[in-house]
């Protein structure tokens, strides 16, 4: 389910700038929510499909996404290709990587192969020394707290539809405080969100 306040404001004519990539726009489909404020649409064109990402300001911006994508690409990590950006409309048009989840493909004969590949990519990400003009944000105490708060506010309440009780939330927050102290004592590396 998409953010209704974003989608109702998005007219498909907004995406006419996608024509060189998609061909004639035939249809659009809202993709499931994630923990950010971004909205994703799968656009079906006469040539191919693509994903439109809409970043509602001021909560989200396309610039960090573009910078991080460029940096990961320079590190030879697999990322979705960005076909076009439209900063005025806070939109990106990017490669459609499909909707098959890894967990749907796992079985006893391939689980080790897939997890080894995933771990190898994370190690490659952490070891890359790509230079960038982008000023990478550091995970401050407040940023870590905000990220952890997504578990009760988004994952438990919205995704699982099982909000935490007051007692569970208090225990969760107590654990988070301890985890933040431990996290800030660790060496700094990229964080895969």
N, C-alpha and C. Protein backbone atom coordinates (compact mmCIF):
# COMPACT_ATOMS: atom_id res chain seq x y z
N UNK A 1 0.84 -1.17 0.00
CA UNK A 1 0.00 0.00 0.00
C UNK A 1 0.88 1.24 0.00
N UNK A 2 0.55 2.21 -0.82
CA UNK A 2 1.38 3.40 -0.96
C UNK A 2 0.90 4.51 -0.04
N UNK A 3 1.75 5.53 0.14
CA UNK A 3 1.36 6.70 0.92
C UNK A 3 0.28 7.45 0.15
N UNK A 4 -0.97 7.45 0.62
CA UNK A 4 -2.04 8.05 -0.17
C UNK A 4 -1.83 9.53 -0.43
N UNK A 5 -1.27 10.28 0.56
CA UNK A 5 -1.11 11.71 0.35
C UNK A 5 -0.13 12.00 -0.77
N UNK A 6 0.81 11.11 -1.03
CA UNK A 6 1.76 11.31 -2.11
C UNK A 6 1.15 10.91 -3.44
N UNK A 7 0.51 9.76 -3.47
CA UNK A 7 -0.01 9.27 -4.74
C UNK A 7 -1.16 10.10 -5.28
N UNK A 8 -2.00 10.62 -4.42
CA UNK A 8 -3.11 11.41 -4.94
C UNK A 8 -2.60 12.69 -5.58
N UNK A 9 -1.42 13.15 -5.16
CA UNK A 9 -0.85 14.37 -5.73
C UNK A 9 -0.08 14.09 -7.01
N UNK A 10 0.14 12.83 -7.33
CA UNK A 10 0.96 12.49 -8.49
C UNK A 10 0.05 12.17 -9.66
N UNK A 11 0.13 13.00 -10.66
CA UNK A 11 -0.61 12.80 -11.90
C UNK A 11 0.31 12.04 -12.85
N UNK A 12 -0.19 11.08 -13.57
CA UNK A 12 0.67 10.33 -14.47
C UNK A 12 1.33 11.21 -15.53
N UNK A 13 0.73 12.37 -15.81
CA UNK A 13 1.38 13.29 -16.75
C UNK A 13 2.73 13.76 -16.21
N UNK A 14 2.89 13.69 -14.89
CA UNK A 14 4.17 14.04 -14.28
C UNK A 14 5.28 13.22 -14.90
N UNK A 15 4.98 12.03 -15.33
CA UNK A 15 6.00 11.11 -15.81
C UNK A 15 6.18 11.14 -17.32
N UNK A 16 5.67 12.17 -17.98
CA UNK A 16 5.86 12.26 -19.43
C UNK A 16 7.35 12.35 -19.78
N UNK A 17 8.16 12.85 -18.85
CA UNK A 17 9.60 12.94 -19.10
C UNK A 17 10.24 11.57 -19.18
N UNK A 18 9.49 10.52 -18.88
CA UNK A 18 10.05 9.16 -18.94
C UNK A 18 9.96 8.56 -20.34
N UNK A 19 9.28 9.24 -21.25
CA UNK A 19 8.99 8.64 -22.55
C UNK A 19 10.20 8.06 -23.28
N UNK A 20 11.38 8.73 -23.30
CA UNK A 20 12.51 8.13 -24.03
C UNK A 20 12.94 6.77 -23.46
N UNK A 21 12.65 6.52 -22.20
CA UNK A 21 13.11 5.29 -21.55
C UNK A 21 12.05 4.19 -21.62
N UNK A 22 10.80 4.58 -21.43
CA UNK A 22 9.72 3.60 -21.35
C UNK A 22 8.98 3.41 -22.66
N UNK A 23 9.01 4.41 -23.53
CA UNK A 23 8.09 4.43 -24.65
C UNK A 23 6.80 5.07 -24.16
N UNK A 24 5.70 4.70 -24.74
CA UNK A 24 4.41 5.25 -24.32
C UNK A 24 4.01 4.64 -22.98
N UNK A 25 3.65 5.48 -22.02
CA UNK A 25 3.25 5.00 -20.70
C UNK A 25 1.90 4.32 -20.80
N UNK A 26 1.86 3.04 -20.40
CA UNK A 26 0.63 2.26 -20.51
C UNK A 26 -0.10 2.15 -19.17
N UNK A 27 0.65 1.96 -18.07
CA UNK A 27 0.01 1.81 -16.77
C UNK A 27 1.02 2.06 -15.66
N UNK A 28 0.50 2.20 -14.44
CA UNK A 28 1.37 2.33 -13.27
C UNK A 28 0.77 1.52 -12.14
N UNK A 29 1.64 1.04 -11.27
CA UNK A 29 1.22 0.21 -10.14
C UNK A 29 1.98 0.68 -8.90
N UNK A 30 1.25 0.94 -7.82
CA UNK A 30 1.89 1.30 -6.56
C UNK A 30 2.58 0.09 -5.98
N UNK A 31 3.80 0.28 -5.52
CA UNK A 31 4.54 -0.82 -4.89
C UNK A 31 4.40 -0.72 -3.38
N UNK A 32 4.64 -1.80 -2.65
CA UNK A 32 4.43 -1.79 -1.20
C UNK A 32 5.26 -0.73 -0.49
N UNK A 33 4.71 -0.28 0.62
CA UNK A 33 5.40 0.70 1.46
C UNK A 33 6.70 0.13 2.02
N UNK A 34 7.62 1.01 2.28
CA UNK A 34 8.82 0.67 3.04
C UNK A 34 8.87 1.64 4.21
N UNK A 35 9.93 1.60 4.97
CA UNK A 35 9.99 2.40 6.19
C UNK A 35 10.24 3.88 5.94
N UNK A 36 10.64 4.28 4.74
CA UNK A 36 10.88 5.70 4.46
C UNK A 36 9.58 6.37 4.03
N UNK A 37 9.66 7.64 3.69
CA UNK A 37 8.50 8.38 3.19
C UNK A 37 8.41 8.32 1.67
N UNK A 38 9.35 7.62 1.04
CA UNK A 38 9.34 7.54 -0.42
C UNK A 38 8.19 6.67 -0.92
N UNK A 39 7.74 6.98 -2.12
CA UNK A 39 6.71 6.20 -2.80
C UNK A 39 7.33 5.64 -4.08
N UNK A 40 7.00 4.40 -4.39
CA UNK A 40 7.53 3.76 -5.59
C UNK A 40 6.37 3.32 -6.48
N UNK A 41 6.52 3.57 -7.77
CA UNK A 41 5.54 3.14 -8.76
C UNK A 41 6.26 2.31 -9.81
N UNK A 42 5.66 1.20 -10.22
CA UNK A 42 6.17 0.45 -11.36
C UNK A 42 5.42 0.98 -12.58
N UNK A 43 6.17 1.55 -13.51
CA UNK A 43 5.59 2.11 -14.72
C UNK A 43 5.77 1.13 -15.88
N UNK A 44 4.69 0.78 -16.52
CA UNK A 44 4.73 -0.12 -17.67
C UNK A 44 4.66 0.73 -18.93
N UNK A 45 5.69 0.66 -19.74
CA UNK A 45 5.71 1.40 -21.00
C UNK A 45 5.65 0.46 -22.17
N UNK A 46 5.59 1.01 -23.36
CA UNK A 46 5.55 0.18 -24.56
C UNK A 46 6.91 -0.46 -24.83
N UNK A 47 8.01 0.11 -24.29
CA UNK A 47 9.34 -0.46 -24.50
C UNK A 47 9.77 -1.36 -23.35
N UNK A 48 9.56 -0.92 -22.12
CA UNK A 48 9.98 -1.69 -20.95
C UNK A 48 9.31 -1.14 -19.70
N UNK A 49 9.60 -1.76 -18.55
CA UNK A 49 9.11 -1.25 -17.27
C UNK A 49 10.25 -0.52 -16.58
N UNK A 50 9.89 0.36 -15.67
CA UNK A 50 10.86 1.08 -14.86
C UNK A 50 10.18 1.42 -13.54
N UNK A 51 10.99 1.84 -12.58
CA UNK A 51 10.47 2.23 -11.28
C UNK A 51 10.60 3.74 -11.14
N UNK A 52 9.53 4.39 -10.76
CA UNK A 52 9.56 5.82 -10.42
C UNK A 52 9.60 5.90 -8.90
N UNK A 53 10.56 6.64 -8.39
CA UNK A 53 10.67 6.88 -6.95
C UNK A 53 10.34 8.34 -6.71
N UNK A 54 9.38 8.59 -5.84
CA UNK A 54 8.96 9.94 -5.52
C UNK A 54 9.37 10.22 -4.08
N UNK A 55 10.15 11.28 -3.88
CA UNK A 55 10.68 11.63 -2.56
C UNK A 55 10.01 12.91 -2.09
N UNK A 56 9.08 12.83 -1.16
CA UNK A 56 8.38 14.05 -0.74
C UNK A 56 9.27 14.92 0.14
N UNK A 57 9.52 16.17 -0.28
CA UNK A 57 10.29 17.06 0.58
C UNK A 57 9.42 17.52 1.74
N UNK A 58 9.93 17.90 2.88
CA UNK A 58 11.35 17.95 3.21
C UNK A 58 11.88 16.64 3.82
N UNK A 59 11.01 15.62 4.00
CA UNK A 59 11.44 14.39 4.66
C UNK A 59 12.47 13.61 3.84
N UNK A 60 12.37 13.65 2.54
CA UNK A 60 13.23 12.86 1.66
C UNK A 60 13.75 13.74 0.54
N UNK A 61 14.87 13.34 -0.02
CA UNK A 61 15.47 14.05 -1.14
C UNK A 61 16.06 13.02 -2.09
N UNK A 62 16.05 13.33 -3.38
CA UNK A 62 16.63 12.38 -4.33
C UNK A 62 18.15 12.47 -4.37
N UNK A 63 18.73 13.60 -3.96
CA UNK A 63 20.18 13.79 -4.09
C UNK A 63 21.00 12.75 -3.33
N UNK A 64 20.73 12.47 -2.05
CA UNK A 64 21.52 11.43 -1.38
C UNK A 64 21.40 10.07 -2.05
N UNK A 65 20.20 9.73 -2.52
CA UNK A 65 19.99 8.45 -3.20
C UNK A 65 20.87 8.37 -4.45
N UNK A 66 20.90 9.46 -5.23
CA UNK A 66 21.71 9.48 -6.44
C UNK A 66 23.20 9.37 -6.10
N UNK A 67 23.65 10.10 -5.10
CA UNK A 67 25.07 10.09 -4.72
C UNK A 67 25.49 8.70 -4.24
N UNK A 68 24.67 8.09 -3.43
CA UNK A 68 25.00 6.76 -2.90
C UNK A 68 24.99 5.74 -4.03
N UNK A 69 24.03 5.84 -4.94
CA UNK A 69 23.99 4.92 -6.08
C UNK A 69 25.26 5.04 -6.91
N UNK A 70 25.69 6.30 -7.19
CA UNK A 70 26.93 6.50 -7.96
C UNK A 70 28.13 5.90 -7.23
N UNK A 71 28.20 6.10 -5.94
CA UNK A 71 29.33 5.61 -5.16
C UNK A 71 29.36 4.08 -5.15
N UNK A 72 28.22 3.45 -4.94
CA UNK A 72 28.17 1.99 -4.94
C UNK A 72 28.49 1.43 -6.33
N UNK A 73 28.05 2.13 -7.36
CA UNK A 73 28.37 1.71 -8.73
C UNK A 73 29.88 1.77 -8.97
N UNK A 74 30.53 2.85 -8.49
CA UNK A 74 31.98 2.99 -8.63
C UNK A 74 32.71 1.86 -7.90
N UNK A 75 32.10 1.35 -6.83
CA UNK A 75 32.69 0.25 -6.07
C UNK A 75 32.36 -1.10 -6.70
N UNK A 76 31.79 -1.07 -7.90
CA UNK A 76 31.36 -2.26 -8.67
C UNK A 76 30.36 -3.12 -7.92
N UNK A 77 29.52 -2.48 -7.12
CA UNK A 77 28.44 -3.19 -6.45
C UNK A 77 27.18 -3.12 -7.33
N UNK A 78 26.37 -4.17 -7.32
CA UNK A 78 25.16 -4.15 -8.16
C UNK A 78 24.11 -3.18 -7.61
N UNK A 79 23.76 -2.19 -8.40
CA UNK A 79 22.74 -1.22 -8.02
C UNK A 79 21.82 -0.99 -9.22
N UNK A 80 20.62 -0.54 -8.95
CA UNK A 80 19.68 -0.22 -10.04
C UNK A 80 20.19 1.00 -10.79
N UNK A 81 20.17 0.91 -12.11
CA UNK A 81 20.60 2.02 -12.95
C UNK A 81 19.56 3.14 -12.86
N UNK A 82 20.03 4.38 -12.71
CA UNK A 82 19.13 5.54 -12.73
C UNK A 82 19.08 6.05 -14.16
N UNK A 83 17.89 6.03 -14.76
CA UNK A 83 17.72 6.47 -16.14
C UNK A 83 17.59 7.99 -16.23
N UNK A 84 16.87 8.57 -15.28
CA UNK A 84 16.62 10.01 -15.32
C UNK A 84 16.26 10.50 -13.94
N UNK A 85 16.52 11.79 -13.71
CA UNK A 85 16.09 12.40 -12.45
C UNK A 85 15.37 13.70 -12.79
N UNK A 86 14.42 14.03 -11.96
CA UNK A 86 13.67 15.26 -12.12
C UNK A 86 13.58 15.93 -10.75
N UNK A 87 14.63 16.70 -10.37
CA UNK A 87 14.66 17.29 -9.03
C UNK A 87 13.46 18.20 -8.73
N UNK A 88 12.95 18.89 -9.75
CA UNK A 88 11.80 19.79 -9.52
C UNK A 88 10.56 19.02 -9.08
N UNK A 89 10.42 17.79 -9.58
CA UNK A 89 9.27 16.97 -9.21
C UNK A 89 9.64 15.92 -8.18
N UNK A 90 10.89 15.97 -7.69
CA UNK A 90 11.36 15.07 -6.62
C UNK A 90 11.22 13.61 -7.03
N UNK A 91 11.56 13.32 -8.30
CA UNK A 91 11.38 11.97 -8.84
C UNK A 91 12.66 11.44 -9.47
N UNK A 92 12.81 10.13 -9.40
CA UNK A 92 13.84 9.42 -10.14
C UNK A 92 13.16 8.33 -10.95
N UNK A 93 13.72 8.05 -12.10
CA UNK A 93 13.27 6.92 -12.90
C UNK A 93 14.43 5.94 -12.93
N UNK A 94 14.20 4.71 -12.49
CA UNK A 94 15.31 3.76 -12.41
C UNK A 94 14.90 2.37 -12.88
N UNK A 95 15.92 1.57 -13.02
CA UNK A 95 15.78 0.19 -13.50
C UNK A 95 14.83 -0.60 -12.60
N UNK A 96 14.00 -1.39 -13.22
CA UNK A 96 13.09 -2.28 -12.50
C UNK A 96 13.82 -3.60 -12.29
N UNK A 97 14.14 -3.92 -11.05
CA UNK A 97 14.85 -5.15 -10.73
C UNK A 97 13.90 -6.31 -10.46
N UNK A 98 12.62 -6.10 -10.70
CA UNK A 98 11.64 -7.17 -10.50
C UNK A 98 11.11 -7.19 -9.08
N UNK A 99 10.27 -8.16 -8.80
CA UNK A 99 9.66 -8.23 -7.47
C UNK A 99 9.81 -9.60 -6.82
N UNK A 100 10.87 -10.31 -7.19
CA UNK A 100 11.16 -11.60 -6.57
C UNK A 100 12.02 -11.37 -5.34
N UNK A 101 11.56 -11.84 -4.20
CA UNK A 101 12.31 -11.70 -2.95
C UNK A 101 13.26 -12.88 -2.80
N UNK A 102 14.42 -12.61 -2.20
CA UNK A 102 15.41 -13.66 -2.00
C UNK A 102 14.82 -14.82 -1.20
N UNK A 103 14.08 -14.52 -0.15
CA UNK A 103 13.53 -15.60 0.69
C UNK A 103 12.62 -16.54 -0.10
N UNK A 104 12.03 -16.04 -1.19
CA UNK A 104 11.17 -16.88 -2.02
C UNK A 104 11.98 -17.89 -2.84
N UNK A 105 13.26 -17.59 -3.04
CA UNK A 105 14.11 -18.45 -3.86
C UNK A 105 14.93 -19.44 -3.04
N UNK A 106 15.00 -19.22 -1.73
CA UNK A 106 15.87 -20.05 -0.90
C UNK A 106 15.33 -21.46 -0.73
N UNK A 107 16.26 -22.43 -0.81
CA UNK A 107 15.94 -23.82 -0.52
C UNK A 107 17.22 -24.46 0.02
N UNK A 108 17.16 -25.66 0.56
CA UNK A 108 18.35 -26.28 1.17
C UNK A 108 19.55 -26.40 0.23
N UNK A 109 19.31 -26.45 -1.07
CA UNK A 109 20.44 -26.63 -1.99
C UNK A 109 21.13 -25.31 -2.38
N UNK A 110 20.45 -24.15 -2.21
CA UNK A 110 21.07 -22.89 -2.64
C UNK A 110 21.26 -21.86 -1.54
N UNK A 111 20.79 -22.15 -0.33
CA UNK A 111 20.84 -21.14 0.73
C UNK A 111 22.27 -20.70 1.03
N UNK A 112 23.21 -21.62 1.07
CA UNK A 112 24.60 -21.27 1.36
C UNK A 112 25.17 -20.39 0.25
N UNK A 113 24.87 -20.72 -0.98
CA UNK A 113 25.36 -19.93 -2.13
C UNK A 113 24.84 -18.50 -2.06
N UNK A 114 23.54 -18.32 -1.85
CA UNK A 114 22.97 -16.98 -1.82
C UNK A 114 23.47 -16.16 -0.63
N UNK A 115 23.54 -16.77 0.54
CA UNK A 115 24.01 -16.03 1.71
C UNK A 115 25.49 -15.70 1.60
N UNK A 116 26.27 -16.59 1.02
CA UNK A 116 27.69 -16.30 0.80
C UNK A 116 27.84 -15.11 -0.15
N UNK A 117 27.05 -15.10 -1.20
CA UNK A 117 27.09 -13.99 -2.16
C UNK A 117 26.70 -12.68 -1.47
N UNK A 118 25.66 -12.70 -0.64
CA UNK A 118 25.23 -11.49 0.06
C UNK A 118 26.30 -10.99 1.02
N UNK A 119 26.90 -11.89 1.77
CA UNK A 119 27.95 -11.50 2.71
C UNK A 119 29.17 -10.95 1.96
N UNK A 120 29.53 -11.58 0.86
CA UNK A 120 30.66 -11.10 0.06
C UNK A 120 30.40 -9.67 -0.45
N UNK A 121 29.17 -9.38 -0.87
CA UNK A 121 28.83 -8.03 -1.33
C UNK A 121 28.90 -7.02 -0.19
N UNK A 122 28.44 -7.41 0.99
CA UNK A 122 28.54 -6.50 2.14
C UNK A 122 30.00 -6.21 2.48
N UNK A 123 30.84 -7.23 2.47
CA UNK A 123 32.28 -7.05 2.74
C UNK A 123 32.87 -6.12 1.68
N UNK A 124 32.53 -6.34 0.42
CA UNK A 124 33.03 -5.48 -0.66
C UNK A 124 32.60 -4.03 -0.43
N UNK A 125 31.37 -3.85 -0.01
CA UNK A 125 30.85 -2.51 0.28
C UNK A 125 31.66 -1.85 1.39
N UNK A 126 31.90 -2.57 2.47
CA UNK A 126 32.62 -2.01 3.61
C UNK A 126 34.08 -1.75 3.32
N UNK A 127 34.67 -2.53 2.43
CA UNK A 127 36.09 -2.37 2.13
C UNK A 127 36.37 -1.38 1.01
N UNK A 128 35.35 -0.96 0.29
CA UNK A 128 35.57 -0.06 -0.84
C UNK A 128 36.07 1.29 -0.35
N UNK A 129 36.96 1.87 -1.13
CA UNK A 129 37.57 3.17 -0.80
C UNK A 129 37.18 4.19 -1.86
N UNK A 130 35.94 4.19 -2.25
CA UNK A 130 35.48 5.09 -3.29
C UNK A 130 35.45 6.51 -2.76
N UNK A 131 35.97 7.43 -3.55
CA UNK A 131 35.92 8.84 -3.15
C UNK A 131 34.65 9.45 -3.72
N UNK A 132 34.12 10.39 -2.99
CA UNK A 132 32.88 11.03 -3.41
C UNK A 132 32.84 12.43 -2.83
N UNK A 133 32.19 13.34 -3.54
CA UNK A 133 32.00 14.69 -3.01
C UNK A 133 30.84 14.75 -2.03
N UNK A 134 30.12 13.66 -1.93
CA UNK A 134 28.96 13.61 -1.04
C UNK A 134 29.42 13.56 0.41
N UNK A 135 28.81 14.34 1.24
CA UNK A 135 29.14 14.36 2.67
C UNK A 135 28.28 13.31 3.37
N UNK A 136 28.88 12.16 3.64
CA UNK A 136 28.16 11.04 4.24
C UNK A 136 27.74 11.38 5.66
N UNK A 137 26.47 11.19 5.99
CA UNK A 137 26.04 11.48 7.37
C UNK A 137 26.59 10.44 8.34
N UNK A 138 26.94 10.90 9.53
CA UNK A 138 27.39 9.99 10.58
C UNK A 138 26.18 9.60 11.43
N UNK A 139 26.19 8.38 11.90
CA UNK A 139 25.09 7.93 12.74
C UNK A 139 25.28 8.50 14.14
N UNK A 140 24.61 9.59 14.40
CA UNK A 140 24.62 10.20 15.73
C UNK A 140 23.68 9.39 16.63
N UNK A 141 23.72 9.72 17.90
CA UNK A 141 22.82 9.05 18.85
C UNK A 141 21.36 9.23 18.43
N UNK A 142 21.01 10.46 18.03
CA UNK A 142 19.61 10.73 17.65
C UNK A 142 19.24 10.01 16.35
N UNK A 143 20.18 9.92 15.40
CA UNK A 143 19.89 9.21 14.15
C UNK A 143 19.71 7.71 14.41
N UNK A 144 20.56 7.14 15.25
CA UNK A 144 20.41 5.73 15.61
C UNK A 144 19.06 5.49 16.30
N UNK A 145 18.70 6.40 17.20
CA UNK A 145 17.41 6.28 17.90
C UNK A 145 16.25 6.35 16.91
N UNK A 146 16.34 7.27 15.93
CA UNK A 146 15.29 7.39 14.92
C UNK A 146 15.17 6.11 14.10
N UNK A 147 16.31 5.54 13.71
CA UNK A 147 16.30 4.30 12.94
C UNK A 147 15.68 3.16 13.76
N UNK A 148 16.08 3.05 15.02
CA UNK A 148 15.54 1.99 15.88
C UNK A 148 14.04 2.17 16.13
N UNK A 149 13.59 3.42 16.15
CA UNK A 149 12.17 3.70 16.39
C UNK A 149 11.29 3.19 15.25
N UNK A 150 11.89 2.89 14.10
CA UNK A 150 11.11 2.33 12.99
C UNK A 150 10.56 0.95 13.32
N UNK A 151 11.24 0.23 14.22
CA UNK A 151 10.74 -1.11 14.56
C UNK A 151 9.34 -1.03 15.19
N UNK A 152 9.16 -0.28 16.29
CA UNK A 152 7.80 -0.25 16.83
C UNK A 152 6.82 0.56 15.98
N UNK A 153 7.29 1.69 15.40
CA UNK A 153 6.35 2.57 14.71
C UNK A 153 5.97 2.07 13.32
N UNK A 154 6.89 1.47 12.60
CA UNK A 154 6.58 1.02 11.24
C UNK A 154 6.47 -0.51 11.17
N UNK A 155 7.54 -1.21 11.54
CA UNK A 155 7.54 -2.67 11.34
C UNK A 155 6.44 -3.35 12.17
N UNK A 156 6.44 -3.14 13.48
CA UNK A 156 5.46 -3.83 14.32
C UNK A 156 4.04 -3.32 14.06
N UNK A 157 3.88 -1.99 14.06
CA UNK A 157 2.53 -1.42 13.98
C UNK A 157 1.94 -1.47 12.58
N UNK A 158 2.71 -1.07 11.57
CA UNK A 158 2.16 -0.97 10.21
C UNK A 158 2.35 -2.27 9.43
N UNK A 159 3.59 -2.74 9.36
CA UNK A 159 3.87 -3.92 8.54
C UNK A 159 3.24 -5.19 9.12
N UNK A 160 3.49 -5.44 10.41
CA UNK A 160 2.97 -6.67 11.05
C UNK A 160 1.58 -6.47 11.65
N UNK A 161 1.15 -5.23 11.81
CA UNK A 161 -0.12 -4.89 12.44
C UNK A 161 -0.24 -5.49 13.84
N UNK A 162 0.89 -5.43 14.58
CA UNK A 162 0.96 -5.93 15.96
C UNK A 162 1.70 -4.90 16.81
N UNK A 163 1.04 -3.79 17.17
CA UNK A 163 1.73 -2.76 17.95
C UNK A 163 2.23 -3.31 19.28
N UNK A 164 3.36 -2.76 19.73
CA UNK A 164 3.92 -3.18 21.02
C UNK A 164 3.07 -2.62 22.15
N UNK A 165 2.95 -3.38 23.23
CA UNK A 165 2.28 -2.88 24.44
C UNK A 165 3.19 -1.86 25.09
N UNK A 166 2.68 -1.13 26.06
CA UNK A 166 3.49 -0.14 26.78
C UNK A 166 4.68 -0.82 27.46
N UNK A 167 4.46 -1.98 28.01
CA UNK A 167 5.54 -2.73 28.68
C UNK A 167 6.60 -3.20 27.67
N UNK A 168 6.15 -3.70 26.52
CA UNK A 168 7.09 -4.13 25.48
C UNK A 168 7.88 -2.95 24.93
N UNK A 169 7.20 -1.82 24.75
CA UNK A 169 7.88 -0.63 24.23
C UNK A 169 8.93 -0.12 25.22
N UNK A 170 8.62 -0.16 26.50
CA UNK A 170 9.59 0.26 27.51
C UNK A 170 10.81 -0.65 27.49
N UNK A 171 10.61 -1.96 27.39
CA UNK A 171 11.73 -2.91 27.34
C UNK A 171 12.53 -2.70 26.05
N UNK A 172 11.84 -2.47 24.95
CA UNK A 172 12.52 -2.22 23.67
C UNK A 172 13.39 -0.97 23.77
N UNK A 173 12.84 0.11 24.29
CA UNK A 173 13.59 1.37 24.40
C UNK A 173 14.81 1.22 25.31
N UNK A 174 14.67 0.44 26.37
CA UNK A 174 15.79 0.18 27.27
C UNK A 174 16.92 -0.55 26.52
N UNK A 175 16.56 -1.54 25.72
CA UNK A 175 17.55 -2.27 24.90
C UNK A 175 18.20 -1.35 23.89
N UNK A 176 17.40 -0.50 23.26
CA UNK A 176 17.92 0.42 22.25
C UNK A 176 18.96 1.35 22.85
N UNK A 177 18.70 1.87 24.04
CA UNK A 177 19.67 2.76 24.70
C UNK A 177 21.01 2.06 24.86
N UNK A 178 21.00 0.81 25.28
CA UNK A 178 22.24 0.05 25.46
C UNK A 178 22.92 -0.23 24.12
N UNK A 179 22.12 -0.58 23.11
CA UNK A 179 22.67 -0.87 21.78
C UNK A 179 23.32 0.36 21.15
N UNK A 180 22.73 1.53 21.37
CA UNK A 180 23.28 2.76 20.80
C UNK A 180 24.66 3.04 21.40
N UNK A 181 24.80 2.85 22.69
CA UNK A 181 26.11 3.05 23.34
C UNK A 181 27.14 2.10 22.72
N UNK A 182 26.76 0.84 22.54
CA UNK A 182 27.68 -0.15 21.94
C UNK A 182 27.99 0.20 20.48
N UNK A 183 26.99 0.62 19.74
CA UNK A 183 27.18 0.94 18.31
C UNK A 183 28.13 2.12 18.15
N UNK A 184 28.00 3.12 18.99
CA UNK A 184 28.85 4.30 18.85
C UNK A 184 30.31 4.02 19.22
N UNK A 185 30.56 2.91 19.90
CA UNK A 185 31.93 2.54 20.26
C UNK A 185 32.62 1.75 19.15
N UNK A 186 31.88 1.39 18.08
CA UNK A 186 32.41 0.58 16.99
C UNK A 186 33.11 1.46 15.95
N UNK A 187 34.03 0.85 15.17
CA UNK A 187 34.63 1.60 14.05
C UNK A 187 33.54 2.02 13.06
N UNK A 188 33.76 3.14 12.39
CA UNK A 188 32.76 3.65 11.45
C UNK A 188 32.90 2.97 10.09
N UNK A 189 31.79 2.44 9.59
CA UNK A 189 31.72 1.85 8.26
C UNK A 189 30.39 2.28 7.63
N UNK A 190 30.21 1.98 6.36
CA UNK A 190 28.93 2.26 5.72
C UNK A 190 27.86 1.43 6.40
N UNK A 191 26.67 1.97 6.45
CA UNK A 191 25.54 1.23 7.01
C UNK A 191 24.58 0.92 5.89
N UNK A 192 24.28 -0.35 5.73
CA UNK A 192 23.32 -0.78 4.71
C UNK A 192 21.94 -0.69 5.30
N UNK A 193 21.13 0.27 4.81
CA UNK A 193 19.79 0.48 5.37
C UNK A 193 18.75 -0.15 4.46
